[in-house]
Protein backbone atom coordinates (compact mmCIF):
# COMPACT_ATOMS: atom_id res chain seq x y z
CA MET A 1 -0.07 -0.10 0.01
CA SER A 2 1.04 3.94 -1.27
CA THR A 3 2.34 5.72 1.82
CA ARG A 4 2.02 8.46 -0.05
CA THR A 5 -0.57 11.74 1.20
CA LEU A 6 -2.79 13.69 -0.53
CA GLU A 7 -2.14 16.44 -2.01
CA GLU A 8 -3.66 19.17 0.12
CA PRO A 9 -6.09 20.70 -2.49
CA VAL A 10 -7.41 17.50 -3.15
CA ARG A 11 -7.58 16.44 0.01
CA SER A 12 -9.33 19.56 1.27
CA ARG A 13 -11.72 19.64 -2.07
CA ILE A 14 -13.05 15.41 -0.38
CA LEU A 15 -13.38 17.04 3.05
CA SER A 16 -15.88 20.41 2.02
CA ALA A 17 -17.73 17.73 -0.68
CA LEU A 18 -18.03 15.37 1.94
CA GLU A 19 -19.34 18.37 4.59
CA ASP A 20 -21.65 19.57 1.60
CA GLN A 21 -23.47 15.95 1.96
CA ASP A 22 -24.45 15.97 5.83
CA THR A 23 -22.10 12.86 6.08
CA THR A 24 -19.68 11.83 9.01
CA VAL A 25 -16.94 10.56 7.11
CA THR A 26 -13.12 11.23 8.05
CA LEU A 27 -10.01 9.49 6.16
CA ASP A 28 -6.90 8.30 7.27
CA PRO A 29 -4.70 8.55 3.86
CA LEU A 30 -2.04 6.98 5.06
CA GLU A 31 -4.14 3.13 6.85
CA ASN A 32 -6.62 4.34 3.47
CA LYS A 33 -9.30 3.73 5.96
CA MET A 34 -12.98 5.48 6.67
CA VAL A 35 -15.40 6.02 9.09
CA LEU A 36 -19.07 6.49 7.65
CA ASN A 37 -22.62 6.91 9.11
CA MET A 38 -24.68 4.13 7.55
CA GLY A 39 -28.59 4.72 9.27
CA PRO A 40 -30.42 5.97 10.82
CA GLN A 41 -32.16 6.88 7.56
CA HIS A 42 -31.81 3.18 5.44
CA PRO A 43 -33.97 1.33 4.46
CA ALA A 44 -31.78 -1.59 5.28
CA THR A 45 -31.93 -1.52 8.94
CA HIS A 46 -34.83 -2.17 9.63
CA GLY A 47 -35.68 1.02 11.98
CA VAL A 48 -33.94 4.01 12.92
CA LEU A 49 -30.42 1.94 14.14
CA ARG A 50 -27.84 4.25 13.32
CA LEU A 51 -23.95 2.04 12.50
CA LEU A 52 -20.52 3.81 12.69
CA VAL A 53 -19.11 1.95 10.80
CA ARG A 54 -15.15 1.97 10.16
CA LEU A 55 -14.48 0.49 6.09
CA ASP A 56 -10.89 -0.68 4.95
CA GLY A 57 -11.51 -0.29 1.99
CA GLU A 58 -14.80 -2.50 1.27
CA THR A 59 -13.68 -4.49 5.09
CA VAL A 60 -15.34 -4.07 7.64
CA THR A 61 -13.20 -3.46 10.61
CA GLY A 62 -15.34 -1.90 13.26
CA CYS A 63 -18.74 -0.82 14.19
CA VAL A 64 -20.95 0.94 16.70
CA PRO A 65 -24.88 0.44 16.79
CA GLU A 66 -26.77 3.77 18.09
CA LEU A 67 -30.17 3.01 19.00
CA GLY A 68 -32.08 6.28 21.06
CA TYR A 69 -33.90 7.33 17.43
CA LEU A 70 -36.77 6.47 17.90
CA HIS A 71 -36.87 6.00 22.41
CA ARG A 72 -40.56 6.60 23.63
CA GLY A 73 -39.87 6.09 27.70
CA TYR A 74 -41.61 3.32 28.09
CA GLU A 75 -40.78 2.32 31.24
CA LYS A 76 -41.46 5.42 32.73
CA ILE A 77 -44.31 5.76 31.31
CA ALA A 78 -44.96 2.99 33.10
CA GLU A 79 -44.71 4.92 36.34
CA ASN A 80 -47.51 6.81 35.55
CA SER A 81 -49.75 4.26 35.00
CA THR A 82 -51.48 1.41 36.65
CA TYR A 83 -51.44 -1.86 35.61
CA HIS A 84 -54.02 -2.32 33.09
CA GLU A 85 -53.07 0.97 31.52
CA PHE A 86 -50.00 0.28 30.16
CA ILE A 87 -51.59 -3.08 28.25
CA PRO A 88 -52.21 -1.56 25.54
CA HIS A 89 -48.02 0.48 25.78
CA THR A 90 -46.62 -3.24 25.26
CA ASP A 91 -48.50 -3.37 21.85
CA ARG A 92 -45.47 -0.83 20.55
CA LEU A 93 -42.68 -2.58 21.99
CA ASP A 94 -42.19 -5.69 19.11
CA TYR A 95 -45.13 -4.45 17.66
CA LEU A 96 -44.96 -7.50 14.61
CA SER A 97 -45.24 -9.78 17.65
CA PRO A 98 -48.35 -7.66 20.00
CA LEU A 99 -50.05 -10.78 21.22
CA ALA A 100 -46.51 -12.29 22.92
CA ASN A 101 -46.29 -8.83 23.96
CA ASN A 102 -49.49 -8.78 26.39
CA VAL A 103 -48.53 -12.37 27.50
CA GLY A 104 -45.29 -11.72 28.90
CA TYR A 105 -46.05 -7.96 30.18
CA VAL A 106 -50.14 -9.18 32.53
CA LEU A 107 -47.79 -12.73 33.45
CA ALA A 108 -45.29 -10.87 35.42
CA VAL A 109 -48.05 -8.96 36.96
CA GLU A 110 -50.02 -11.94 37.67
CA LYS A 111 -46.82 -13.47 39.35
CA LEU A 112 -47.06 -10.17 41.68
CA LEU A 113 -50.47 -10.33 42.50
CA GLY A 114 -49.91 -14.10 42.59
CA LEU A 115 -53.09 -14.44 40.46
CA GLU A 116 -53.81 -17.80 38.48
CA VAL A 117 -55.63 -18.18 34.77
CA PRO A 118 -57.91 -21.01 34.50
CA GLU A 119 -57.02 -23.73 31.90
CA ARG A 120 -58.81 -22.06 28.72
CA ALA A 121 -57.52 -19.15 28.99
CA GLN A 122 -53.99 -20.11 29.64
CA TYR A 123 -53.93 -22.39 26.29
CA ILE A 124 -55.67 -19.11 23.85
CA ARG A 125 -52.49 -17.47 25.15
CA VAL A 126 -50.25 -20.31 23.82
CA LEU A 127 -52.27 -19.94 20.75
CA CYS A 128 -51.52 -15.73 20.09
CA CYS A 129 -47.82 -16.40 21.45
CA GLU A 130 -47.17 -18.77 18.53
CA MET A 131 -49.68 -17.02 15.72
CA ALA A 132 -47.54 -14.20 17.01
CA ARG A 133 -44.20 -16.56 16.60
CA ILE A 134 -45.37 -16.92 12.82
CA ALA A 135 -46.55 -14.04 11.87
CA SER A 136 -43.02 -12.84 12.87
CA HIS A 137 -40.70 -15.25 11.22
CA LEU A 138 -42.70 -15.01 8.10
CA VAL A 139 -41.51 -11.50 7.84
CA ALA A 140 -37.40 -11.49 9.81
CA ALA A 141 -37.85 -15.12 6.85
CA GLY A 142 -38.74 -11.84 3.91
CA THR A 143 -37.43 -8.76 4.64
CA MET A 144 -34.13 -10.31 4.81
CA ALA A 145 -34.58 -12.29 1.86
CA MET A 146 -35.72 -8.80 0.17
CA ASP A 147 -32.01 -7.35 2.08
CA VAL A 148 -30.25 -9.58 -0.41
CA GLY A 149 -32.53 -9.45 -3.66
CA ALA A 150 -34.57 -11.73 -2.98
CA LEU A 151 -38.59 -9.98 -3.71
CA THR A 152 -40.45 -12.66 -4.83
CA VAL A 153 -40.18 -14.19 -0.78
CA LEU A 154 -41.29 -10.76 0.74
CA LEU A 155 -44.49 -10.96 -1.43
CA TRP A 156 -44.77 -14.94 -0.41
CA THR A 157 -44.76 -14.12 3.28
CA PHE A 158 -46.81 -11.30 3.40
CA ARG A 159 -49.30 -13.27 2.09
CA GLU A 160 -49.44 -15.98 4.99
CA ARG A 161 -49.18 -13.16 7.17
CA GLU A 162 -52.18 -11.81 6.16
CA LYS A 163 -54.50 -14.84 6.78
CA LEU A 164 -53.20 -14.49 10.71
CA MET A 165 -54.18 -10.83 10.52
CA ASP A 166 -57.11 -12.35 9.84
CA ILE A 167 -58.28 -13.88 12.50
CA TYR A 168 -56.35 -10.89 14.69
CA ASP A 169 -58.96 -9.27 13.45
CA VAL A 170 -61.74 -11.99 14.25
CA LEU A 171 -59.45 -12.43 17.80
CA THR A 172 -59.36 -9.59 19.02
CA GLY A 173 -61.59 -7.19 16.81
CA ALA A 174 -57.65 -5.61 15.35
CA ARG A 175 -55.16 -6.55 12.84
CA PHE A 176 -52.20 -5.31 14.13
CA THR A 177 -52.50 -3.53 17.59
CA THR A 178 -54.35 -6.34 19.20
CA SER A 179 -54.13 -5.64 23.68
CA TYR A 180 -55.74 -8.67 23.66
CA THR A 181 -54.88 -9.66 27.07
CA ARG A 182 -55.80 -8.95 30.49
CA ILE A 183 -54.57 -9.18 34.07
CA GLY A 184 -55.77 -12.01 35.01
CA GLY A 185 -57.24 -13.93 31.62
CA LEU A 186 -58.22 -12.45 28.16
CA ALA A 187 -60.14 -9.24 26.69
CA GLN A 188 -63.24 -12.19 24.85
CA ASP A 189 -62.80 -15.80 24.60
CA TRP A 190 -61.75 -17.62 21.60
CA THR A 191 -64.32 -18.11 19.17
CA PRO A 192 -65.65 -21.19 16.64
CA PRO A 193 -65.14 -18.90 13.98
CA ALA A 194 -61.62 -17.81 14.69
CA THR A 195 -60.41 -22.51 15.29
CA GLU A 196 -61.90 -22.56 11.09
CA MET A 197 -59.78 -20.10 10.77
CA LEU A 198 -56.66 -20.66 12.28
CA LYS A 199 -57.33 -24.25 10.51
CA THR A 200 -57.28 -23.66 7.47
CA PHE A 201 -54.22 -21.80 7.94
CA LEU A 202 -53.27 -24.36 9.24
CA GLY A 203 -53.71 -27.16 6.29
CA GLU A 204 -51.89 -24.87 3.86
CA PHE A 205 -49.43 -23.36 5.98
CA GLU A 206 -46.51 -25.28 5.52
CA ARG A 207 -46.98 -26.29 1.46
CA ASP A 208 -47.02 -23.06 1.20
CA LEU A 209 -43.39 -22.58 3.04
CA ALA A 210 -42.60 -24.86 1.19
CA GLU A 211 -42.22 -23.04 -1.90
CA VAL A 212 -40.08 -20.19 0.29
CA GLU A 213 -37.88 -23.49 0.50
CA GLN A 214 -37.40 -24.05 -2.80
CA LEU A 215 -36.95 -20.76 -4.09
CA LEU A 216 -33.95 -19.75 -0.84
CA TYR A 217 -32.62 -23.04 -0.03
CA ALA A 218 -31.10 -24.06 -3.44
CA ASN A 219 -30.63 -20.57 -4.25
CA ARG A 220 -26.65 -19.86 -5.19
CA ILE A 221 -26.52 -16.31 -4.75
CA PHE A 222 -29.23 -16.70 -1.38
CA VAL A 223 -26.78 -19.17 0.08
CA ASP A 224 -23.60 -17.52 -0.68
CA ARG A 225 -24.72 -14.25 0.58
CA CYS A 226 -25.44 -15.73 3.97
CA GLU A 227 -23.73 -18.63 4.56
CA ASN A 228 -20.45 -17.75 6.94
CA VAL A 229 -21.48 -13.86 7.07
CA GLY A 230 -22.46 -12.78 10.50
CA LEU A 231 -20.45 -15.07 12.44
CA ILE A 232 -20.74 -15.55 15.97
CA SER A 233 -19.04 -18.47 18.31
CA PRO A 234 -21.78 -19.66 21.34
CA GLN A 235 -19.48 -19.19 23.29
CA GLU A 236 -19.43 -15.02 22.37
CA ALA A 237 -22.85 -15.11 21.85
CA VAL A 238 -24.10 -16.32 25.85
CA SER A 239 -20.83 -13.85 27.28
CA LEU A 240 -22.93 -10.81 24.48
CA GLY A 241 -26.92 -12.35 26.44
CA MET A 242 -28.23 -13.48 23.01
CA THR A 243 -31.20 -16.17 23.77
CA GLY A 244 -34.04 -16.73 20.97
CA PRO A 245 -32.64 -17.46 16.92
CA ILE A 246 -29.38 -16.16 17.78
CA LEU A 247 -28.62 -17.88 20.32
CA ARG A 248 -30.03 -21.87 18.61
CA GLY A 249 -28.50 -20.80 15.13
CA CYS A 250 -24.97 -20.96 17.19
CA GLY A 251 -26.28 -24.62 18.87
CA ILE A 252 -27.20 -23.84 21.93
CA ALA A 253 -30.68 -25.24 22.78
CA ARG A 254 -31.80 -22.75 25.70
CA ASP A 255 -35.78 -21.54 24.89
CA LEU A 256 -37.88 -20.71 28.15
CA ARG A 257 -40.76 -22.36 26.95
CA LYS A 258 -38.05 -25.72 27.78
CA ASP A 259 -36.12 -24.26 30.37
CA LYS A 260 -38.23 -22.27 32.45
CA PRO A 261 -41.60 -23.25 31.91
CA TYR A 262 -44.82 -21.03 32.01
CA LEU A 263 -48.73 -21.76 30.63
CA VAL A 264 -48.95 -24.70 29.66
CA TYR A 265 -45.95 -25.29 27.49
CA PRO A 266 -44.73 -28.71 29.45
CA ASP A 267 -48.72 -30.56 28.51
CA LEU A 268 -47.45 -29.74 24.37
CA ASP A 269 -45.06 -31.78 22.47
CA PHE A 270 -42.21 -28.92 21.00
CA ASP A 271 -38.47 -29.50 19.38
CA VAL A 272 -36.27 -26.84 20.38
CA ILE A 273 -34.59 -26.31 16.40
CA THR A 274 -30.87 -25.72 16.77
CA TYR A 275 -28.24 -25.14 14.08
CA PRO A 276 -24.22 -25.36 14.86
CA GLU A 277 -22.96 -23.37 12.48
CA GLY A 278 -22.82 -19.23 14.32
CA ASP A 279 -24.10 -17.47 11.01
CA ALA A 280 -26.93 -15.61 9.25
CA LEU A 281 -28.17 -18.70 6.86
CA ALA A 282 -27.99 -21.03 9.82
CA ARG A 283 -30.53 -17.73 12.31
CA PHE A 284 -32.93 -18.10 8.97
CA TYR A 285 -32.81 -21.19 8.80
CA VAL A 286 -33.45 -21.65 12.72
CA ARG A 287 -36.26 -19.49 12.15
CA MET A 288 -37.95 -20.99 9.12
CA GLU A 289 -38.11 -24.27 11.53
CA GLU A 290 -39.73 -22.66 14.63
CA THR A 291 -42.52 -21.80 12.26
CA LYS A 292 -43.06 -25.37 11.69
CA GLN A 293 -43.07 -26.33 15.69
CA SER A 294 -45.38 -23.65 15.98
CA ALA A 295 -47.32 -25.02 13.73
CA ARG A 296 -47.71 -28.33 15.34
CA ILE A 297 -48.04 -26.52 19.03
CA LEU A 298 -51.36 -24.69 16.93
CA ARG A 299 -52.80 -27.83 16.08
CA GLN A 300 -52.34 -29.64 19.75
CA ALA A 301 -53.23 -26.09 21.77
CA LEU A 302 -56.59 -26.13 19.79
CA ASP A 303 -57.16 -30.16 20.07
CA LYS A 304 -56.71 -29.87 23.91
CA MET A 305 -58.24 -26.79 25.27
CA PRO A 306 -61.03 -27.58 27.63
CA ALA A 307 -64.13 -25.42 27.97
CA GLY A 308 -64.33 -23.38 30.89
CA PRO A 309 -64.47 -19.44 32.29
CA ILE A 310 -61.64 -17.14 30.58
CA HIS A 311 -60.43 -15.15 34.02
CA ALA A 312 -59.09 -15.83 37.48
CA ASN A 313 -62.34 -15.54 40.06
CA GLU A 314 -61.06 -12.30 41.54
CA THR A 315 -63.65 -9.72 41.37
CA LYS A 316 -61.52 -7.04 43.13
CA ARG A 317 -58.40 -7.46 41.21
CA VAL A 318 -59.89 -8.61 36.83
CA LEU A 319 -61.67 -6.69 35.23
CA PRO A 320 -65.45 -8.38 35.11
CA ARG A 321 -67.29 -9.08 32.03
CA LYS A 322 -69.69 -6.08 30.66
CA GLU A 323 -72.73 -8.84 31.46
CA ARG A 324 -72.28 -8.71 34.59
CA ILE A 325 -71.48 -4.67 34.73
CA TYR A 326 -74.35 -4.02 33.50
CA THR A 327 -76.67 -6.49 35.94
CA ARG A 328 -75.22 -6.26 38.81
CA MET A 329 -73.97 -3.41 41.31
CA GLU A 330 -71.18 -4.96 42.85
CA GLU A 331 -69.74 -6.25 39.78
CA LEU A 332 -69.89 -1.93 38.01
CA ILE A 333 -68.58 -1.14 41.16
CA HIS A 334 -65.31 -3.34 41.53
CA ASP A 335 -64.84 -1.97 37.65
CA PHE A 336 -65.20 1.58 38.97
CA MET A 337 -62.49 0.97 41.44
CA LEU A 338 -60.04 -0.93 38.80
CA ILE A 339 -60.50 1.27 36.35
CA ASN A 340 -60.18 4.17 38.27
CA LEU A 341 -57.74 3.26 41.22
CA GLY A 342 -56.15 0.34 39.79
CA VAL A 343 -54.90 -3.29 41.30
CA ASP A 344 -53.46 -2.34 45.03
CA PRO A 345 -50.31 -5.18 44.28
CA PRO A 346 -47.89 -6.26 47.88
CA VAL A 347 -44.82 -4.60 47.67
CA GLY A 348 -42.29 -6.62 45.96
CA GLU A 349 -40.35 -7.09 42.98
CA VAL A 350 -41.29 -9.65 40.47
CA TYR A 351 -39.13 -11.08 37.00
CA GLN A 352 -41.29 -13.40 34.30
CA ALA A 353 -39.85 -14.20 31.13
CA ILE A 354 -41.52 -15.70 27.59
CA GLU A 355 -39.40 -16.88 24.68
CA SER A 356 -40.55 -14.11 22.21
CA SER A 357 -40.03 -14.35 18.29
CA LYS A 358 -36.85 -12.69 19.24
CA GLY A 359 -35.69 -14.41 22.61
CA GLU A 360 -36.06 -13.60 25.91
CA LEU A 361 -38.59 -10.86 26.73
CA GLY A 362 -38.52 -9.95 30.27
CA PHE A 363 -40.72 -7.99 32.47
CA PHE A 364 -38.89 -6.69 35.74
CA LEU A 365 -42.00 -5.27 37.78
CA VAL A 366 -41.55 -3.51 41.68
CA SER A 367 -44.39 -2.40 43.63
CA ASP A 368 -44.32 -0.43 45.92
CA GLY A 369 -47.89 -1.28 46.94
CA THR A 370 -49.86 1.45 44.97
CA ALA A 371 -52.04 1.21 41.76
CA ASN A 372 -49.06 2.56 39.65
CA PRO A 373 -45.19 0.70 39.85
CA TRP A 374 -43.25 2.44 41.14
CA ARG A 375 -40.57 0.65 38.80
CA LEU A 376 -40.44 -1.51 34.90
CA LYS A 377 -38.19 -2.22 33.26
CA ILE A 378 -38.33 -4.51 30.37
CA ARG A 379 -35.82 -5.97 29.22
CA THR A 380 -36.31 -6.82 25.01
CA PRO A 381 -34.31 -8.98 23.47
CA SER A 382 -33.45 -6.59 20.84
CA THR A 383 -31.28 -4.85 22.31
CA ALA A 384 -29.51 -6.72 23.74
CA ASN A 385 -29.17 -8.68 20.37
CA LEU A 386 -28.10 -5.32 18.44
CA GLY A 387 -24.75 -5.73 20.99
CA ALA A 388 -23.74 -8.79 19.13
CA LEU A 389 -23.42 -7.03 15.47
CA PRO A 390 -19.82 -4.85 15.96
CA VAL A 391 -18.73 -8.76 16.62
CA MET A 392 -21.02 -10.18 13.28
CA VAL A 393 -19.66 -8.32 11.27
CA LYS A 394 -16.28 -6.97 12.03
CA GLY A 395 -13.92 -8.85 9.18
CA GLY A 396 -16.86 -8.87 6.71
CA MET A 397 -17.49 -6.39 3.55
CA ILE A 398 -19.52 -3.39 4.11
CA SER A 399 -23.19 -5.43 1.55
CA ASP A 400 -22.55 -8.22 4.88
CA ILE A 401 -23.88 -5.14 6.80
CA VAL A 402 -27.83 -6.05 5.72
CA VAL A 403 -27.51 -9.08 5.54
CA VAL A 404 -26.07 -9.50 9.29
CA ILE A 405 -28.91 -6.62 10.64
CA GLY A 406 -31.42 -9.48 8.80
CA SER A 407 -30.72 -12.40 10.42
CA ILE A 408 -31.08 -10.53 13.69
CA ASP A 409 -33.82 -9.53 13.38
CA PRO A 410 -34.41 -6.46 15.18
CA VAL A 411 -37.38 -4.12 15.68
CA MET A 412 -36.73 -0.53 16.97
CA GLY A 413 -39.51 -0.19 18.81
CA GLU A 414 -38.67 -2.92 21.09
CA ALA A 415 -35.06 -2.13 21.22
CA ASP A 416 -35.23 1.70 21.82
CA LYS A 417 -38.73 1.13 24.74
């Protein structure tokens, strides 16, 4: 490499042009290194994510991810909301799986209150979580394929996701931000039309998913763009706190549904999918196979779901049904007190996590005995998983960054909270 420095007029013109473009770039003529911004307005960063990337030619020698461009202060909002009022805010965390976010939060509140939820409600919550996992993984697969040039896959995966959105609409009355789960139960019961729609979806899903597999699994362009890209070792993944498909894509079979069971997952049969390679392709395979396991869980949950109530029998802590509010004075009073004053949990702290589509989604609640949480801290998988980005991209090409981000599958709504 030549050690000759740039002539001063040339250097001045380069720096002046970069300043005119409002791009933060520094040049080191001796080392031929460059530091540049990628994002926060970039179509392949999956949201408002800014990367400060150091390059040697087209090779990445360093990367610093910067979060915070979508920060909404949700953890502080919780301190000024009752436990019930905060439920809709969880929809806006990982907005690709709002039903699962609802479940994770209310499980933490119920753990704090010591509430036992009826078995039927637990099965419905499992159905919600696994539908959300399939929907989220479909978006992850479609957008990752689009990042490397396979636009058709995005259209196919969104076609399947639309079928799930239709089920959400019938079940919850909303397609996106559902706010369906309630402390101690659910907003409304599972319905026969939802059962029929879900059975129809499951009957077609694996056939339609096979189209994606046939298009990508043997596609040389896709495989070459993803194989041995974004490598991370099992030791690095554990030390950085990785969870979900990233950790399982390193060969570590960590899944909270098995390791720290909740709801009725111990009664359901499914496999934890792992691939040992630790690259972007392995993470893609993990998500694709996990959708099949989620379909397997959904079939079992539909078959095993018992009849019965969907709310805990705790009239002073669980919102009563509307038909009871309109016909019983006592229920009207309880509803008034819960809506206006909230529940009264004991003083203490709890942590509850679920296996969301992206990894461990945990809620740490601290109660001072009042109707508002004294503190709420959310352990979101996107925040943790983006911490591995500098390790994954170092030594790769700048064009590999979009593949690595797609394989992490972050949602900035929960990364910034």
